[in-house]
Each structure stands twice: as C-alpha cells, then as structure tokens.
Amino acid sequence: MLAALAKRRRIVPLPRAAIPPATKGSCKPVSTLVLELRQGDTMIVNGAPIRFRTKSRIELTAHARFLFGKQIMAPDEADTPARRIYFALQSAYIGAETERAGGLASARRLIADFKTATTSPLACEILDRALQAAEADDCYQALKLTRRIIRHEDAVLQRGRAA
C-alpha cells in the first residue's frame, strides 16, 4: 500500500542502508516512539490536550513534551503534598510556556516543604534527584521519580490509589 502511494505521489522512500550513520560531532538521529491509545484516552502534547475518539496508534518522530493516560493528573487530584509536587512538575513539563517557570518554582517550594516534614532519607534523596532532573529540563524523569514518592506517601497514609 505504501509503495502504491509512493508511486502515485512520486515519493521514493529511502532504504535504511541509504541513510548515513551518525558520525562523531553530528546530531543524534531522531528515534521514534509508537504509542497505542484507546478510545477516550487523553494525551497532552506540547501543552495541547488531545482526546482520542477511536483506538489509535500514533508515532512521534520528533522531540515533544507529552503525557498520556494515567500520567496526567487533574488539578483536583493534587490533594496531598506529593501529588501537589507532581502537579507542579507536570505544569513545568507540559504547561503553556508561561506556566512552566511558575510550575518549577512551585515544585522547588513544595519539595523543600516535603523534605522538612518527612523522616525518610530515601524520600529526600529521590526528591533531590527529581528536582535536579526538572532543573535540567528532564521533567519526564522528574515525574517518574515523584510517582515513587506518591506511592510512598500512599503507603504511609494508607491510601488505596497511586499515580
């Protein structure tokens, strides 16, 4: 089917062997990410929410700030200290350009407050790593680390759900 489309449009796809490998000092080749989303799933890409009306398979071929499904936290779900940290980091990651700096500043303050209140040295270490990741513009990693803190907090508070 692709070959027929390429003939009609006179597009000749390059075989993989024709693409030169990355050399030292050149840009890294862009890797693609393929995601399958179900009907009704939501995804936020570069700050824009997308709701899928049908089951879809998408391929991201360039760098994008995105979250989908259970990774997205609604404002009303940020009802504990760890969840508020997650929501602030989420704003720093996928918020509008004007929200990102404020989200990171809120995350710094909330992390400092959490570290003051907790007795867990491991939680403090994980939050330090999350903040370092966020400040290095690796907010996706910061969110992953913060989900660990949410699970810890849920266990301490004996809550049944985790992000």
C-alpha atoms as a PDB file:
ATOM      1  CA  MET A   1       0.000   0.000   0.000  1.00  0.00           C
ATOM      2  CA  LEU A   2       2.805   2.436   0.864  1.00  0.00           C
ATOM      3  CA  ALA A   3       4.625   1.558  -2.343  1.00  0.00           C
ATOM      4  CA  ALA A   4       1.476   2.335  -4.379  1.00  0.00           C
ATOM      5  CA  LEU A   5       1.046   5.643  -2.558  1.00  0.00           C
ATOM      6  CA  ALA A   6       4.703   6.487  -3.109  1.00  0.00           C
ATOM      7  CA  LYS A   7       4.354   5.777  -6.875  1.00  0.00           C
ATOM      8  CA  ARG A   8       1.254   7.949  -7.171  1.00  0.00           C
ATOM      9  CA  ARG A   9       2.908  10.820  -5.339  1.00  0.00           C
ATOM     10  CA  ARG A  10       6.310  10.145  -6.881  1.00  0.00           C
ATOM     11  CA  ILE A  11       7.892   9.760  -3.463  1.00  0.00           C
ATOM     12  CA  VAL A  12      10.676   7.259  -3.263  1.00  0.00           C
ATOM     13  CA  PRO A  13      11.310   6.103   0.296  1.00  0.00           C
ATOM     14  CA  LEU A  14      14.981   5.697   1.169  1.00  0.00           C
ATOM     15  CA  PRO A  15      16.068   2.236   2.271  1.00  0.00           C
ATOM     16  CA  ARG A  16      17.681   2.214   5.731  1.00  0.00           C
ATOM     17  CA  ALA A  17      21.083   1.435   4.197  1.00  0.00           C
ATOM     18  CA  ALA A  18      20.939   4.723   2.236  1.00  0.00           C
ATOM     19  CA  ILE A  19      20.711   6.802   5.413  1.00  0.00           C
ATOM     20  CA  PRO A  20      24.240   7.618   6.585  1.00  0.00           C
ATOM     21  CA  PRO A  21      25.006   6.696  10.199  1.00  0.00           C
ATOM     22  CA  ALA A  22      25.573   9.468  12.715  1.00  0.00           C
ATOM     23  CA  THR A  23      29.203  10.428  12.964  1.00  0.00           C
ATOM     24  CA  LYS A  24      31.087  11.971  15.846  1.00  0.00           C
ATOM     25  CA  GLY A  25      30.047  15.574  16.218  1.00  0.00           C
ATOM     26  CA  SER A  26      26.864  15.163  14.171  1.00  0.00           C
ATOM     27  CA  CYS A  27      23.360  15.404  15.559  1.00  0.00           C
ATOM     28  CA  LYS A  28      21.876  12.279  17.041  1.00  0.00           C
ATOM     29  CA  PRO A  29      19.361  10.585  14.776  1.00  0.00           C
ATOM     30  CA  VAL A  30      15.790  11.137  15.907  1.00  0.00           C
ATOM     31  CA  SER A  31      14.272   7.993  17.332  1.00  0.00           C
ATOM     32  CA  THR A  32      10.564   7.426  17.010  1.00  0.00           C
ATOM     33  CA  LEU A  33       8.108   6.436  19.676  1.00  0.00           C
ATOM     34  CA  VAL A  34       4.975   4.494  18.790  1.00  0.00           C
ATOM     35  CA  LEU A  35       2.047   4.688  21.211  1.00  0.00           C
ATOM     36  CA  GLU A  36      -1.281   2.896  21.154  1.00  0.00           C
ATOM     37  CA  LEU A  37      -4.122   4.814  22.744  1.00  0.00           C
ATOM     38  CA  ARG A  38      -7.644   3.617  23.392  1.00  0.00           C
ATOM     39  CA  GLN A  39     -10.891   5.378  22.586  1.00  0.00           C
ATOM     40  CA  GLY A  40     -11.464   8.136  25.141  1.00  0.00           C
ATOM     41  CA  ASP A  41      -7.781   8.377  26.167  1.00  0.00           C
ATOM     42  CA  THR A  42      -6.318  11.828  26.570  1.00  0.00           C
ATOM     43  CA  MET A  43      -2.843  12.909  25.608  1.00  0.00           C
ATOM     44  CA  ILE A  44      -1.194  16.279  26.084  1.00  0.00           C
ATOM     45  CA  VAL A  45       1.448  17.155  23.503  1.00  0.00           C
ATOM     46  CA  ASN A  46       3.400  20.401  23.883  1.00  0.00           C
ATOM     47  CA  GLY A  47       0.615  21.804  26.077  1.00  0.00           C
ATOM     48  CA  ALA A  48      -2.278  20.884  23.762  1.00  0.00           C
ATOM     49  CA  PRO A  49      -4.793  18.310  25.062  1.00  0.00           C
ATOM     50  CA  ILE A  50      -5.853  15.659  22.555  1.00  0.00           C
ATOM     51  CA  ARG A  51      -8.763  13.261  23.152  1.00  0.00           C
ATOM     52  CA  PHE A  52      -8.886  10.128  21.018  1.00  0.00           C
ATOM     53  CA  ARG A  53     -12.299   9.292  19.576  1.00  0.00           C
ATOM     54  CA  THR A  54     -11.156   5.904  18.317  1.00  0.00           C
ATOM     55  CA  LYS A  55      -8.396   3.473  19.144  1.00  0.00           C
ATOM     56  CA  SER A  56      -5.306   4.957  17.580  1.00  0.00           C
ATOM     57  CA  ARG A  57      -1.692   4.170  17.009  1.00  0.00           C
ATOM     58  CA  ILE A  58       0.493   7.231  16.725  1.00  0.00           C
ATOM     59  CA  GLU A  59       4.158   7.729  16.041  1.00  0.00           C
ATOM     60  CA  LEU A  60       6.083  10.663  17.489  1.00  0.00           C
ATOM     61  CA  THR A  61       9.018  11.338  15.203  1.00  0.00           C
ATOM     62  CA  ALA A  62      10.400  14.459  16.875  1.00  0.00           C
ATOM     63  CA  HIS A  63      11.038  15.682  20.402  1.00  0.00           C
ATOM     64  CA  ALA A  64       7.805  16.625  22.134  1.00  0.00           C
ATOM     65  CA  ARG A  65       6.685  17.239  25.688  1.00  0.00           C
ATOM     66  CA  PHE A  66       3.862  14.766  26.249  1.00  0.00           C
ATOM     67  CA  LEU A  67       1.938  12.818  28.855  1.00  0.00           C
ATOM     68  CA  PHE A  68      -0.965  10.449  28.339  1.00  0.00           C
ATOM     69  CA  GLY A  69      -3.485   8.362  30.226  1.00  0.00           C
ATOM     70  CA  LYS A  70      -2.851   7.901  33.931  1.00  0.00           C
ATOM     71  CA  GLN A  71       0.293  10.066  33.769  1.00  0.00           C
ATOM     72  CA  ILE A  72      -1.918  13.169  33.570  1.00  0.00           C
ATOM     73  CA  MET A  73      -3.045  14.497  36.947  1.00  0.00           C
ATOM     74  CA  ALA A  74      -6.128  16.706  37.128  1.00  0.00           C
ATOM     75  CA  PRO A  75      -5.925  19.719  39.486  1.00  0.00           C
ATOM     76  CA  ASP A  76      -8.484  18.226  41.902  1.00  0.00           C
ATOM     77  CA  GLU A  77      -6.321  15.087  42.284  1.00  0.00           C
ATOM     78  CA  ALA A  78      -3.433  17.124  43.738  1.00  0.00           C
ATOM     79  CA  ASP A  79      -4.744  16.663  47.265  1.00  0.00           C
ATOM     80  CA  THR A  80      -1.612  15.546  49.153  1.00  0.00           C
ATOM     81  CA  PRO A  81       1.886  17.060  49.401  1.00  0.00           C
ATOM     82  CA  ALA A  82       3.448  14.536  46.970  1.00  0.00           C
ATOM     83  CA  ARG A  83       0.612  14.940  44.491  1.00  0.00           C
ATOM     84  CA  ARG A  84       0.987  18.733  44.647  1.00  0.00           C
ATOM     85  CA  ILE A  85       4.688  18.285  43.788  1.00  0.00           C
ATOM     86  CA  TYR A  86       3.712  16.055  40.859  1.00  0.00           C
ATOM     87  CA  PHE A  87       1.154  18.585  39.618  1.00  0.00           C
ATOM     88  CA  ALA A  88       3.696  21.434  39.833  1.00  0.00           C
ATOM     89  CA  LEU A  89       6.258  19.372  37.876  1.00  0.00           C
ATOM     90  CA  GLN A  90       3.560  18.431  35.367  1.00  0.00           C
ATOM     91  CA  SER A  91       2.884  22.152  34.836  1.00  0.00           C
ATOM     92  CA  ALA A  92       6.608  22.740  34.365  1.00  0.00           C
ATOM     93  CA  TYR A  93       6.689  19.944  31.777  1.00  0.00           C
ATOM     94  CA  ILE A  94       3.531  20.232  29.689  1.00  0.00           C
ATOM     95  CA  GLY A  95       2.089  23.572  30.738  1.00  0.00           C
ATOM     96  CA  ALA A  96       1.900  26.559  28.454  1.00  0.00           C
ATOM     97  CA  GLU A  97       5.194  28.383  28.001  1.00  0.00           C
ATOM     98  CA  THR A  98       4.084  31.000  30.539  1.00  0.00           C
ATOM     99  CA  GLU A  99       3.235  28.323  33.162  1.00  0.00           C
ATOM    100  CA  ARG A 100       6.494  26.371  33.060  1.00  0.00           C
ATOM    101  CA  ALA A 101       8.675  28.687  35.154  1.00  0.00           C
ATOM    102  CA  GLY A 102       5.925  29.047  37.761  1.00  0.00           C
ATOM    103  CA  GLY A 103       5.464  25.280  37.889  1.00  0.00           C
ATOM    104  CA  LEU A 104       9.168  24.766  38.531  1.00  0.00           C
ATOM    105  CA  ALA A 105       9.224  27.466  41.227  1.00  0.00           C
ATOM    106  CA  SER A 106       6.215  25.848  42.930  1.00  0.00           C
ATOM    107  CA  ALA A 107       7.896  22.435  42.720  1.00  0.00           C
ATOM    108  CA  ARG A 108      11.032  23.830  44.404  1.00  0.00           C
ATOM    109  CA  ARG A 109       8.979  25.250  47.277  1.00  0.00           C
ATOM    110  CA  LEU A 110       6.812  22.139  47.674  1.00  0.00           C
ATOM    111  CA  ILE A 111       9.835  19.823  47.616  1.00  0.00           C
ATOM    112  CA  ALA A 112      11.565  21.910  50.306  1.00  0.00           C
ATOM    113  CA  ASP A 113       8.416  21.744  52.460  1.00  0.00           C
ATOM    114  CA  PHE A 114       8.078  17.978  51.933  1.00  0.00           C
ATOM    115  CA  LYS A 115      11.723  17.360  52.822  1.00  0.00           C
ATOM    116  CA  THR A 116      11.298  19.378  56.032  1.00  0.00           C
ATOM    117  CA  ALA A 117       8.261  17.319  57.046  1.00  0.00           C
ATOM    118  CA  THR A 118       9.417  13.803  56.112  1.00  0.00           C
ATOM    119  CA  THR A 119      11.523  11.443  58.202  1.00  0.00           C
ATOM    120  CA  SER A 120      12.539   9.348  55.191  1.00  0.00           C
ATOM    121  CA  PRO A 121      16.085   9.957  53.942  1.00  0.00           C
ATOM    122  CA  LEU A 122      15.263   7.952  50.805  1.00  0.00           C
ATOM    123  CA  ALA A 123      12.302  10.225  50.014  1.00  0.00           C
ATOM    124  CA  CYS A 124      14.584  13.260  50.405  1.00  0.00           C
ATOM    125  CA  GLU A 125      17.151  11.731  48.057  1.00  0.00           C
ATOM    126  CA  ILE A 126      14.521  10.883  45.440  1.00  0.00           C
ATOM    127  CA  LEU A 127      13.091  14.402  45.624  1.00  0.00           C
ATOM    128  CA  ASP A 128      16.580  15.894  45.242  1.00  0.00           C
ATOM    129  CA  ARG A 129      17.051  13.788  42.095  1.00  0.00           C
ATOM    130  CA  ALA A 130      13.613  14.813  40.818  1.00  0.00           C
ATOM    131  CA  LEU A 131      14.388  18.495  41.302  1.00  0.00           C
ATOM    132  CA  GLN A 132      17.786  18.121  39.600  1.00  0.00           C
ATOM    133  CA  ALA A 133      16.096  16.418  36.652  1.00  0.00           C
ATOM    134  CA  ALA A 134      13.449  19.140  36.407  1.00  0.00           C
ATOM    135  CA  GLU A 135      16.057  21.906  36.532  1.00  0.00           C
ATOM    136  CA  ALA A 136      17.960  20.113  33.745  1.00  0.00           C
ATOM    137  CA  ASP A 137      14.715  20.195  31.680  1.00  0.00           C
ATOM    138  CA  ASP A 138      14.168  16.443  32.110  1.00  0.00           C
ATOM    139  CA  CYS A 139      10.752  16.821  33.689  1.00  0.00           C
ATOM    140  CA  TYR A 140       9.560  13.431  32.436  1.00  0.00           C
ATOM    141  CA  GLN A 141      12.209  11.755  34.632  1.00  0.00           C
ATOM    142  CA  ALA A 142      11.269  14.097  37.490  1.00  0.00           C
ATOM    143  CA  LEU A 143       7.653  12.965  37.194  1.00  0.00           C
ATOM    144  CA  LYS A 144       8.683   9.299  37.239  1.00  0.00           C
ATOM    145  CA  LEU A 145      10.652   9.869  40.439  1.00  0.00           C
ATOM    146  CA  THR A 146       7.784  11.792  42.004  1.00  0.00           C
ATOM    147  CA  ARG A 147       5.397   8.892  41.302  1.00  0.00           C
ATOM    148  CA  ARG A 148       7.647   6.844  43.616  1.00  0.00           C
ATOM    149  CA  ILE A 149       7.129   9.452  46.340  1.00  0.00           C
ATOM    150  CA  ILE A 150       3.366   9.308  45.763  1.00  0.00           C
ATOM    151  CA  ARG A 151       3.420   5.520  46.251  1.00  0.00           C
ATOM    152  CA  HIS A 152       5.477   6.008  49.452  1.00  0.00           C
ATOM    153  CA  GLU A 153       3.066   8.654  50.685  1.00  0.00           C
ATOM    154  CA  ASP A 154       0.069   6.431  49.881  1.00  0.00           C
ATOM    155  CA  ALA A 155       1.615   3.612  51.925  1.00  0.00           C
ATOM    156  CA  VAL A 156       2.273   5.924  54.876  1.00  0.00           C
ATOM    157  CA  LEU A 157      -1.206   7.467  54.674  1.00  0.00           C
ATOM    158  CA  GLN A 158      -2.759   4.059  53.896  1.00  0.00           C
ATOM    159  CA  ARG A 159      -4.405   5.340  50.719  1.00  0.00           C
ATOM    160  CA  GLY A 160      -5.595   2.832  48.149  1.00  0.00           C
ATOM    161  CA  ARG A 161      -4.630   4.609  44.925  1.00  0.00           C
ATOM    162  CA  ALA A 162      -1.323   5.598  43.364  1.00  0.00           C
ATOM    163  CA  ALA A 163      -0.428   7.803  40.402  1.00  0.00           C
END
